[in-house]
Amino acid sequence: MAMRIVARERDKDRDRDRDRDRDSNNMMGGVMRRRALPMEGVKELALNDPEFLRRFVTEQGKIMPRRRTGCTPEQQRQIAKAIRRSRVVGLVK
């Protein structure tokens, strides 16, 4: 009987912690993270810089979404265009 009470209290604590985390972060229950400025100091994207472009491509070769990269919509369009063009040239997979 004592084990059941302990388990119930543990479950209540877990639920309370989960609710507190959800309320403090955002309405969807995710974790808010501070975004870095990925293109700080970059004026123009160069197709011949595959190391920079690889920061925005997953291991499978997919272009990362804006919510992961932290770019503005305009920067994300420029990055996507540069990645697609560099794929044609053969610099990025």
Foldseek 3Di string as FASTA:
>chain_A
DVVVVVVVVVVVVVVVVQVVQCVVADVVSDHDDDADALCVPPDADDLPCVVSLVVQADPVGHGHDCVVNVYDPVVSVRSVVSSVVSVVVPSGD
